[in-house]
Amino acid sequence: MKVSHEVPRCLLTASPEFNDYDYCLPHLLDQDEEYLKYFENARDKGRYIIMDNSLHELGEAYDYDRLRYWVNELKPNEFIVPDVWMDCHKTAAQAKYWKQFKYPKKTKLTAVIQGENKNEAYLCANLLAGLGYEKLCVSYGATWYNDFFPHTNTDMGKALGRVRFVQGLFKLNQLKDIKFHLLGCSIPQEFSWYDNNPRIESIDTSNPVMAALEGIWYNDNGLNTKPKANMNDFFDIDFRKVDYLNVIHNTRRFKEIVKKHTNN
């Protein structure tokens, strides 16, 4: 599976050292010239690019006109169409709406599974597949994961809840040809729990980078709790305040954890 970790601006040019592809947040293309130049260069070099819709960062999907502009300008390999947090029906409606436009030839549309509980989320997955989406994204943060897999450690429970949900998706015959992207994570060891299923094509998470910025080193198994740091707070951090060896340690250890997935 391809892995990418979002990074602060000061680490953009170094990120290909540990990222398999580039994960683009479109609102930053309009806000930050250096970020824009990096992704224009990545496009011109033929780097694989997945473009998000910035829901997680903004609380709602980015401006629709700007999304359409950047899809056509950047020509990402994948574009995650706008979704509505934990709302199955509005997300399905958005997924249908975004099907009407023309896109660059190489750009594949993907959609995020949403729902206020597991039943609505399974329904959403089926609706999105019925609309013709061949790759679906699964967020790490749905609150109902903790009800789906109760655990005294809520971060552990959230990770195990998503694993249980994804394993359920794998069993649905109507989704047998669907590929998946995993959005974010609570704890990195989650990615060694998927029984070597090749249908998980890609992951994006800033977890190892955020942990590094907090001065936390991954141990052999990962972490027991999610770092409190987030990209909104650290995007502008000065490189002199970054322990780059810590970043390299955590991103390499993350790859080792993913390899456990591959080798089981």
C-alpha atoms as a PDB file:
ATOM      1  CA  MET A   1       0.000   0.000   0.000  1.00  0.00           C
ATOM      2  CA  LYS A   2       1.130   3.558  -0.742  1.00  0.00           C
ATOM      3  CA  VAL A   3       1.805   5.707   2.332  1.00  0.00           C
ATOM      4  CA  SER A   4       1.933   9.495   2.643  1.00  0.00           C
ATOM      5  CA  HIS A   5       2.393  11.716   5.687  1.00  0.00           C
ATOM      6  CA  GLU A   6       1.294  15.345   5.628  1.00  0.00           C
ATOM      7  CA  VAL A   7       4.108  17.621   6.754  1.00  0.00           C
ATOM      8  CA  PRO A   8       4.682  21.261   7.753  1.00  0.00           C
ATOM      9  CA  ARG A   9       5.755  23.620   4.999  1.00  0.00           C
ATOM     10  CA  CYS A  10       9.410  23.455   6.055  1.00  0.00           C
ATOM     11  CA  LEU A  11       9.495  19.677   5.378  1.00  0.00           C
ATOM     12  CA  LEU A  12       7.735  19.683   1.995  1.00  0.00           C
ATOM     13  CA  THR A  13      10.857  19.310  -0.137  1.00  0.00           C
ATOM     14  CA  ALA A  14      12.194  16.583   2.172  1.00  0.00           C
ATOM     15  CA  SER A  15       8.943  14.593   2.228  1.00  0.00           C
ATOM     16  CA  PRO A  16       9.616  12.470  -0.908  1.00  0.00           C
ATOM     17  CA  GLU A  17      12.343  10.820   1.167  1.00  0.00           C
ATOM     18  CA  PHE A  18       9.672   9.051   3.214  1.00  0.00           C
ATOM     19  CA  ASN A  19       6.410   9.513   1.257  1.00  0.00           C
ATOM     20  CA  ASP A  20       5.342   7.144  -1.520  1.00  0.00           C
ATOM     21  CA  TYR A  21       3.044   9.803  -2.991  1.00  0.00           C
ATOM     22  CA  ASP A  22       1.940  13.374  -2.305  1.00  0.00           C
ATOM     23  CA  TYR A  23      -1.296  14.141  -0.456  1.00  0.00           C
ATOM     24  CA  CYS A  24      -2.669  17.565  -1.369  1.00  0.00           C
ATOM     25  CA  LEU A  25      -4.941  19.794   0.735  1.00  0.00           C
ATOM     26  CA  PRO A  26      -6.498  22.126  -1.856  1.00  0.00           C
ATOM     27  CA  HIS A  27      -7.248  25.085   0.422  1.00  0.00           C
ATOM     28  CA  LEU A  28      -3.505  25.447   1.012  1.00  0.00           C
ATOM     29  CA  LEU A  29      -2.913  25.811  -2.733  1.00  0.00           C
ATOM     30  CA  ASP A  30      -4.749  29.137  -2.507  1.00  0.00           C
ATOM     31  CA  GLN A  31      -3.224  30.198   0.795  1.00  0.00           C
ATOM     32  CA  ASP A  32       0.454  29.334   0.507  1.00  0.00           C
ATOM     33  CA  GLU A  33       2.721  30.033  -2.468  1.00  0.00           C
ATOM     34  CA  GLU A  34       5.428  27.592  -1.373  1.00  0.00           C
ATOM     35  CA  TYR A  35       2.871  24.805  -0.986  1.00  0.00           C
ATOM     36  CA  LEU A  36       1.504  25.564  -4.464  1.00  0.00           C
ATOM     37  CA  LYS A  37       4.993  25.516  -6.004  1.00  0.00           C
ATOM     38  CA  TYR A  38       5.737  22.181  -4.383  1.00  0.00           C
ATOM     39  CA  PHE A  39       2.648  20.544  -5.894  1.00  0.00           C
ATOM     40  CA  GLU A  40       3.177  22.134  -9.301  1.00  0.00           C
ATOM     41  CA  ASN A  41       6.669  20.666  -9.243  1.00  0.00           C
ATOM     42  CA  ALA A  42       5.351  17.281  -8.056  1.00  0.00           C
ATOM     43  CA  ARG A  43       2.855  17.299 -10.945  1.00  0.00           C
ATOM     44  CA  ASP A  44       5.551  18.186 -13.466  1.00  0.00           C
ATOM     45  CA  LYS A  45       7.829  15.424 -12.134  1.00  0.00           C
ATOM     46  CA  GLY A  46       5.073  12.847 -12.444  1.00  0.00           C
ATOM     47  CA  ARG A  47       4.682  12.232  -8.701  1.00  0.00           C
ATOM     48  CA  TYR A  48       1.492  10.360  -7.766  1.00  0.00           C
ATOM     49  CA  ILE A  49      -0.907  12.894  -6.188  1.00  0.00           C
ATOM     50  CA  ILE A  50      -4.092  12.353  -4.203  1.00  0.00           C
ATOM     51  CA  MET A  51      -6.067  15.568  -3.748  1.00  0.00           C
ATOM     52  CA  ASP A  52      -8.378  15.789  -0.736  1.00  0.00           C
ATOM     53  CA  ASN A  53     -11.329  18.169  -0.338  1.00  0.00           C
ATOM     54  CA  SER A  54     -10.066  19.645   3.008  1.00  0.00           C
ATOM     55  CA  LEU A  55     -13.132  18.637   5.056  1.00  0.00           C
ATOM     56  CA  HIS A  56     -11.019  17.460   8.003  1.00  0.00           C
ATOM     57  CA  GLU A  57      -9.072  20.723   8.167  1.00  0.00           C
ATOM     58  CA  LEU A  58     -11.944  23.168   7.498  1.00  0.00           C
ATOM     59  CA  GLY A  59     -14.947  21.361   8.988  1.00  0.00           C
ATOM     60  CA  GLU A  60     -16.582  21.327   5.551  1.00  0.00           C
ATOM     61  CA  ALA A  61     -15.375  20.708   2.020  1.00  0.00           C
ATOM     62  CA  TYR A  62     -13.437  23.519   0.365  1.00  0.00           C
ATOM     63  CA  ASP A  63     -15.081  25.986  -2.035  1.00  0.00           C
ATOM     64  CA  TYR A  64     -16.512  24.031  -4.967  1.00  0.00           C
ATOM     65  CA  ASP A  65     -15.342  26.418  -7.686  1.00  0.00           C
ATOM     66  CA  ARG A  66     -11.791  26.307  -6.332  1.00  0.00           C
ATOM     67  CA  LEU A  67     -11.886  22.528  -6.055  1.00  0.00           C
ATOM     68  CA  ARG A  68     -12.908  22.241  -9.706  1.00  0.00           C
ATOM     69  CA  TYR A  69     -10.198  24.714 -10.676  1.00  0.00           C
ATOM     70  CA  TRP A  70      -7.450  22.863  -8.839  1.00  0.00           C
ATOM     71  CA  VAL A  71      -8.498  19.439 -10.096  1.00  0.00           C
ATOM     72  CA  ASN A  72      -8.128  20.687 -13.660  1.00  0.00           C
ATOM     73  CA  GLU A  73      -4.947  22.640 -12.950  1.00  0.00           C
ATOM     74  CA  LEU A  74      -3.107  20.066 -10.827  1.00  0.00           C
ATOM     75  CA  LYS A  75      -4.483  16.980 -12.600  1.00  0.00           C
ATOM     76  CA  PRO A  76      -4.131  14.700  -9.543  1.00  0.00           C
ATOM     77  CA  ASN A  77      -4.179  10.934  -9.942  1.00  0.00           C
ATOM     78  CA  GLU A  78      -7.051  10.784  -7.455  1.00  0.00           C
ATOM     79  CA  PHE A  79      -9.559  13.373  -6.272  1.00  0.00           C
ATOM     80  CA  ILE A  80     -11.566  12.759  -3.100  1.00  0.00           C
ATOM     81  CA  VAL A  81     -14.924  14.372  -3.826  1.00  0.00           C
ATOM     82  CA  PRO A  82     -16.643  16.468  -1.118  1.00  0.00           C
ATOM     83  CA  ASP A  83     -18.372  14.605   1.692  1.00  0.00           C
ATOM     84  CA  VAL A  84     -20.363  15.616   4.779  1.00  0.00           C
ATOM     85  CA  TRP A  85     -19.072  14.486   8.156  1.00  0.00           C
ATOM     86  CA  MET A  86     -20.921  11.418   9.496  1.00  0.00           C
ATOM     87  CA  ASP A  87     -23.897  12.048   7.161  1.00  0.00           C
ATOM     88  CA  CYS A  88     -24.655   9.165   4.805  1.00  0.00           C
ATOM     89  CA  HIS A  89     -27.332  10.740   2.620  1.00  0.00           C
ATOM     90  CA  LYS A  90     -25.741  14.168   2.129  1.00  0.00           C
ATOM     91  CA  THR A  91     -22.442  12.468   1.321  1.00  0.00           C
ATOM     92  CA  ALA A  92     -24.110  10.224  -1.269  1.00  0.00           C
ATOM     93  CA  ALA A  93     -25.831  13.277  -2.768  1.00  0.00           C
ATOM     94  CA  GLN A  94     -22.469  15.061  -3.030  1.00  0.00           C
ATOM     95  CA  ALA A  95     -20.898  11.986  -4.609  1.00  0.00           C
ATOM     96  CA  LYS A  96     -23.638  11.988  -7.254  1.00  0.00           C
ATOM     97  CA  TYR A  97     -23.286  15.747  -7.837  1.00  0.00           C
ATOM     98  CA  TRP A  98     -19.540  15.537  -8.502  1.00  0.00           C
ATOM     99  CA  LYS A  99     -20.027  12.831 -11.107  1.00  0.00           C
ATOM    100  CA  GLN A 100     -21.515  15.328 -13.576  1.00  0.00           C
ATOM    101  CA  PHE A 101     -18.278  17.186 -14.374  1.00  0.00           C
ATOM    102  CA  LYS A 102     -15.475  16.414 -16.787  1.00  0.00           C
ATOM    103  CA  TYR A 103     -12.077  15.685 -15.255  1.00  0.00           C
ATOM    104  CA  PRO A 104      -8.524  15.272 -16.507  1.00  0.00           C
ATOM    105  CA  LYS A 105      -8.089  11.932 -18.220  1.00  0.00           C
ATOM    106  CA  LYS A 106      -5.770  10.503 -15.560  1.00  0.00           C
ATOM    107  CA  THR A 107      -7.832  11.682 -12.548  1.00  0.00           C
ATOM    108  CA  LYS A 108      -9.809   8.989 -10.730  1.00  0.00           C
ATOM    109  CA  LEU A 109     -12.684  10.023  -8.448  1.00  0.00           C
ATOM    110  CA  THR A 110     -12.875   8.513  -4.977  1.00  0.00           C
ATOM    111  CA  ALA A 111     -15.480   9.076  -2.249  1.00  0.00           C
ATOM    112  CA  VAL A 112     -15.549   8.944   1.549  1.00  0.00           C
ATOM    113  CA  ILE A 113     -17.839   6.601   3.463  1.00  0.00           C
ATOM    114  CA  GLN A 114     -19.850   8.551   6.056  1.00  0.00           C
ATOM    115  CA  GLY A 115     -22.636   7.744   8.509  1.00  0.00           C
ATOM    116  CA  GLU A 116     -23.770   8.441  12.054  1.00  0.00           C
ATOM    117  CA  ASN A 117     -23.548   4.734  12.919  1.00  0.00           C
ATOM    118  CA  LYS A 118     -22.235   1.516  11.397  1.00  0.00           C
ATOM    119  CA  ASN A 119     -25.480   0.684   9.596  1.00  0.00           C
ATOM    120  CA  GLU A 120     -25.598   4.064   7.860  1.00  0.00           C
ATOM    121  CA  ALA A 121     -21.911   3.767   7.018  1.00  0.00           C
ATOM    122  CA  TYR A 122     -22.453   0.364   5.381  1.00  0.00           C
ATOM    123  CA  LEU A 123     -25.413   1.853   3.504  1.00  0.00           C
ATOM    124  CA  CYS A 124     -23.250   4.763   2.372  1.00  0.00           C
ATOM    125  CA  ALA A 125     -20.576   2.384   1.063  1.00  0.00           C
ATOM    126  CA  ASN A 126     -23.201   0.567  -1.000  1.00  0.00           C
ATOM    127  CA  LEU A 127     -24.665   3.826  -2.330  1.00  0.00           C
ATOM    128  CA  LEU A 128     -21.233   5.092  -3.379  1.00  0.00           C
ATOM    129  CA  ALA A 129     -20.389   1.819  -5.100  1.00  0.00           C
ATOM    130  CA  GLY A 130     -23.761   1.980  -6.862  1.00  0.00           C
ATOM    131  CA  LEU A 131     -22.820   5.424  -8.195  1.00  0.00           C
ATOM    132  CA  GLY A 132     -19.789   3.879  -9.858  1.00  0.00           C
ATOM    133  CA  TYR A 133     -17.034   4.756  -7.396  1.00  0.00           C
ATOM    134  CA  GLU A 134     -14.343   2.089  -7.561  1.00  0.00           C
ATOM    135  CA  LYS A 135     -12.311   3.315  -4.588  1.00  0.00           C
ATOM    136  CA  LEU A 136     -13.712   4.405  -1.230  1.00  0.00           C
ATOM    137  CA  CYS A 137     -12.083   6.216   1.683  1.00  0.00           C
ATOM    138  CA  VAL A 138     -12.584   5.302   5.336  1.00  0.00           C
ATOM    139  CA  SER A 139     -11.977   7.999   7.950  1.00  0.00           C
ATOM    140  CA  TYR A 140     -10.302   7.186  11.255  1.00  0.00           C
ATOM    141  CA  GLY A 141     -12.395   9.564  13.340  1.00  0.00           C
ATOM    142  CA  ALA A 142     -16.042   8.440  13.380  1.00  0.00           C
ATOM    143  CA  THR A 143     -17.301   8.635  16.960  1.00  0.00           C
ATOM    144  CA  TRP A 144     -19.314   5.424  16.614  1.00  0.00           C
ATOM    145  CA  TYR A 145     -16.136   3.342  16.235  1.00  0.00           C
ATOM    146  CA  ASN A 146     -15.863   3.440  20.019  1.00  0.00           C
ATOM    147  CA  ASP A 147     -19.367   1.977  20.329  1.00  0.00           C
ATOM    148  CA  PHE A 148     -18.570  -0.624  17.676  1.00  0.00           C
ATOM    149  CA  PHE A 149     -15.466  -1.733  19.594  1.00  0.00           C
ATOM    150  CA  PRO A 150     -15.554  -0.549  23.236  1.00  0.00           C
ATOM    151  CA  HIS A 151     -12.113  -0.266  24.850  1.00  0.00           C
ATOM    152  CA  THR A 152     -10.798   1.445  27.986  1.00  0.00           C
ATOM    153  CA  ASN A 153      -8.293   3.233  25.744  1.00  0.00           C
ATOM    154  CA  THR A 154     -10.479   5.325  23.418  1.00  0.00           C
ATOM    155  CA  ASP A 155      -7.723   5.726  20.806  1.00  0.00           C
ATOM    156  CA  MET A 156      -7.212   1.964  20.735  1.00  0.00           C
ATOM    157  CA  GLY A 157     -10.972   1.432  20.559  1.00  0.00           C
ATOM    158  CA  LYS A 158     -11.331   3.855  17.661  1.00  0.00           C
ATOM    159  CA  ALA A 159      -8.604   2.026  15.717  1.00  0.00           C
ATOM    160  CA  LEU A 160     -10.107  -1.385  16.444  1.00  0.00           C
ATOM    161  CA  GLY A 161     -13.555  -0.071  15.532  1.00  0.00           C
ATOM    162  CA  ARG A 162     -12.339   0.965  12.093  1.00  0.00           C
ATOM    163  CA  VAL A 163     -10.589  -2.380  11.613  1.00  0.00           C
ATOM    164  CA  ARG A 164     -13.827  -4.181  12.457  1.00  0.00           C
ATOM    165  CA  PHE A 165     -15.784  -1.928  10.076  1.00  0.00           C
ATOM    166  CA  VAL A 166     -13.310  -2.380   7.209  1.00  0.00           C
ATOM    167  CA  GLN A 167     -13.256  -6.140   7.699  1.00  0.00           C
ATOM    168  CA  GLY A 168     -17.041  -5.999   7.348  1.00  0.00           C
ATOM    169  CA  LEU A 169     -16.698  -4.071   4.087  1.00  0.00           C
ATOM    170  CA  PHE A 170     -14.361  -6.775   2.759  1.00  0.00           C
ATOM    171  CA  LYS A 171     -17.060  -9.395   3.330  1.00  0.00           C
ATOM    172  CA  LEU A 172     -19.766  -7.658   1.300  1.00  0.00           C
ATOM    173  CA  ASN A 173     -20.061  -9.353  -2.067  1.00  0.00           C
ATOM    174  CA  GLN A 174     -21.401  -6.201  -3.732  1.00  0.00           C
ATOM    175  CA  LEU A 175     -18.138  -4.436  -2.767  1.00  0.00           C
ATOM    176  CA  LYS A 176     -15.797  -7.248  -3.797  1.00  0.00           C
ATOM    177  CA  ASP A 177     -14.135  -5.137  -6.520  1.00  0.00           C
ATOM    178  CA  ILE A 178     -13.844  -1.942  -4.446  1.00  0.00           C
ATOM    179  CA  LYS A 179     -10.414  -0.634  -3.350  1.00  0.00           C
ATOM    180  CA  PHE A 180      -9.897   1.435  -0.212  1.00  0.00           C
ATOM    181  CA  HIS A 181      -7.965   4.413   1.119  1.00  0.00           C
ATOM    182  CA  LEU A 182      -7.573   4.860   4.883  1.00  0.00           C
ATOM    183  CA  LEU A 183      -7.780   8.482   6.038  1.00  0.00           C
ATOM    184  CA  GLY A 184      -5.651   9.202   9.107  1.00  0.00           C
ATOM    185  CA  CYS A 185      -5.251   7.057  12.200  1.00  0.00           C
ATOM    186  CA  SER A 186      -5.417   7.137  15.981  1.00  0.00           C
ATOM    187  CA  ILE A 187      -2.540   4.719  16.511  1.00  0.00           C
ATOM    188  CA  PRO A 188      -0.150   3.467  13.810  1.00  0.00           C
ATOM    189  CA  GLN A 189      -0.201  -0.230  14.739  1.00  0.00           C
ATOM    190  CA  GLU A 190      -3.723  -0.386  13.314  1.00  0.00           C
ATOM    191  CA  PHE A 191      -2.173  -0.911   9.884  1.00  0.00           C
ATOM    192  CA  SER A 192      -0.701  -4.250  10.905  1.00  0.00           C
ATOM    193  CA  TRP A 193      -4.207  -5.580  11.670  1.00  0.00           C
ATOM    194  CA  TYR A 194      -5.694  -5.867   8.177  1.00  0.00           C
ATOM    195  CA  ASP A 195      -4.739  -9.461   7.350  1.00  0.00           C
ATOM    196  CA  ASN A 196      -2.693  -8.552   4.298  1.00  0.00           C
ATOM    197  CA  ASN A 197      -5.674  -7.452   2.221  1.00  0.00           C
ATOM    198  CA  PRO A 198      -4.423  -5.899  -1.048  1.00  0.00           C
ATOM    199  CA  ARG A 199      -7.675  -3.968  -1.446  1.00  0.00           C
ATOM    200  CA  ILE A 200      -6.254  -1.313   0.890  1.00  0.00           C
ATOM    201  CA  GLU A 201      -4.316   0.629  -1.731  1.00  0.00           C
ATOM    202  CA  SER A 202      -3.294   3.745   0.154  1.00  0.00           C
ATOM    203  CA  ILE A 203      -2.984   5.469   3.529  1.00  0.00           C
ATOM    204  CA  ASP A 204      -2.486   9.068   4.531  1.00  0.00           C
ATOM    205  CA  THR A 205      -1.710  10.146   8.072  1.00  0.00           C
ATOM    206  CA  SER A 206       0.391  12.826   9.730  1.00  0.00           C
ATOM    207  CA  ASN A 207       0.633  10.675  12.894  1.00  0.00           C
ATOM    208  CA  PRO A 208       4.391   9.909  12.817  1.00  0.00           C
ATOM    209  CA  VAL A 209       5.245  13.510  11.956  1.00  0.00           C
ATOM    210  CA  MET A 210       2.989  14.981  14.644  1.00  0.00           C
ATOM    211  CA  ALA A 211       4.422  12.554  17.202  1.00  0.00           C
ATOM    212  CA  ALA A 212       7.925  13.624  16.174  1.00  0.00           C
ATOM    213  CA  LEU A 213       7.044  17.295  16.628  1.00  0.00           C
ATOM    214  CA  GLU A 214       5.879  16.458  20.151  1.00  0.00           C
ATOM    215  CA  GLY A 215       9.227  14.751  20.813  1.00  0.00           C
ATOM    216  CA  ILE A 216       7.625  11.279  20.868  1.00  0.00           C
ATOM    217  CA  TRP A 217       9.480   8.323  19.348  1.00  0.00           C
ATOM    218  CA  TYR A 218       7.536   5.375  18.024  1.00  0.00           C
ATOM    219  CA  ASN A 219       8.388   2.178  19.878  1.00  0.00           C
ATOM    220  CA  ASP A 220       8.472  -1.247  18.223  1.00  0.00           C
ATOM    221  CA  ASN A 221       4.681  -1.506  18.303  1.00  0.00           C
ATOM    222  CA  GLY A 222       3.761   2.106  17.574  1.00  0.00           C
ATOM    223  CA  LEU A 223       1.927   4.264  20.141  1.00  0.00           C
ATOM    224  CA  ASN A 224      -0.763   3.784  22.761  1.00  0.00           C
ATOM    225  CA  THR A 225      -2.369   7.207  22.277  1.00  0.00           C
ATOM    226  CA  LYS A 226      -2.855   9.649  19.418  1.00  0.00           C
ATOM    227  CA  PRO A 227      -0.540  12.711  19.428  1.00  0.00           C
ATOM    228  CA  LYS A 228      -2.322  15.908  20.405  1.00  0.00           C
ATOM    229  CA  ALA A 229      -0.477  17.960  17.775  1.00  0.00           C
ATOM    230  CA  ASN A 230      -2.255  18.650  14.476  1.00  0.00           C
ATOM    231  CA  MET A 231      -1.183  20.154  11.182  1.00  0.00           C
ATOM    232  CA  ASN A 232      -3.270  23.304  11.629  1.00  0.00           C
ATOM    233  CA  ASP A 233      -1.065  24.234  14.600  1.00  0.00           C
ATOM    234  CA  PHE A 234       2.288  23.190  13.135  1.00  0.00           C
ATOM    235  CA  PHE A 235       2.137  23.990   9.420  1.00  0.00           C
ATOM    236  CA  ASP A 236       4.182  27.180   9.916  1.00  0.00           C
ATOM    237  CA  ILE A 237       6.754  25.718  12.323  1.00  0.00           C
ATOM    238  CA  ASP A 238      10.362  26.872  11.863  1.00  0.00           C
ATOM    239  CA  PHE A 239      12.648  24.090  10.581  1.00  0.00           C
ATOM    240  CA  ARG A 240      15.114  24.915  13.373  1.00  0.00           C
ATOM    241  CA  LYS A 241      12.509  23.728  15.863  1.00  0.00           C
ATOM    242  CA  VAL A 242      12.060  20.362  14.122  1.00  0.00           C
ATOM    243  CA  ASP A 243      14.090  17.320  15.193  1.00  0.00           C
ATOM    244  CA  TYR A 244      14.411  15.821  11.733  1.00  0.00           C
ATOM    245  CA  LEU A 245      16.035  12.642  13.043  1.00  0.00           C
ATOM    246  CA  ASN A 246      12.882  12.076  15.070  1.00  0.00           C
ATOM    247  CA  VAL A 247      10.755  12.536  11.925  1.00  0.00           C
ATOM    248  CA  ILE A 248      12.891  10.021  10.014  1.00  0.00           C
ATOM    249  CA  HIS A 249      12.781   7.541  12.903  1.00  0.00           C
ATOM    250  CA  ASN A 250       8.987   7.659  13.173  1.00  0.00           C
ATOM    251  CA  THR A 251       8.292   7.515   9.438  1.00  0.00           C
ATOM    252  CA  ARG A 252      10.651   4.560   9.022  1.00  0.00           C
ATOM    253  CA  ARG A 253       9.084   2.790  11.978  1.00  0.00           C
ATOM    254  CA  PHE A 254       5.658   3.450  10.454  1.00  0.00           C
ATOM    255  CA  LYS A 255       6.791   1.685   7.267  1.00  0.00           C
ATOM    256  CA  GLU A 256       7.962  -1.257   9.374  1.00  0.00           C
ATOM    257  CA  ILE A 257       4.532  -1.456  10.999  1.00  0.00           C
ATOM    258  CA  VAL A 258       2.883  -1.441   7.559  1.00  0.00           C
ATOM    259  CA  LYS A 259       5.248  -4.190   6.453  1.00  0.00           C
ATOM    260  CA  LYS A 260       3.870  -6.348   9.257  1.00  0.00           C
ATOM    261  CA  HIS A 261       0.553  -5.971   7.406  1.00  0.00           C
ATOM    262  CA  THR A 262       2.246  -7.066   4.212  1.00  0.00           C
ATOM    263  CA  ASN A 263       4.071 -10.041   5.667  1.00  0.00           C
ATOM    264  CA  ASN A 264       1.341 -11.613   7.835  1.00  0.00           C
END
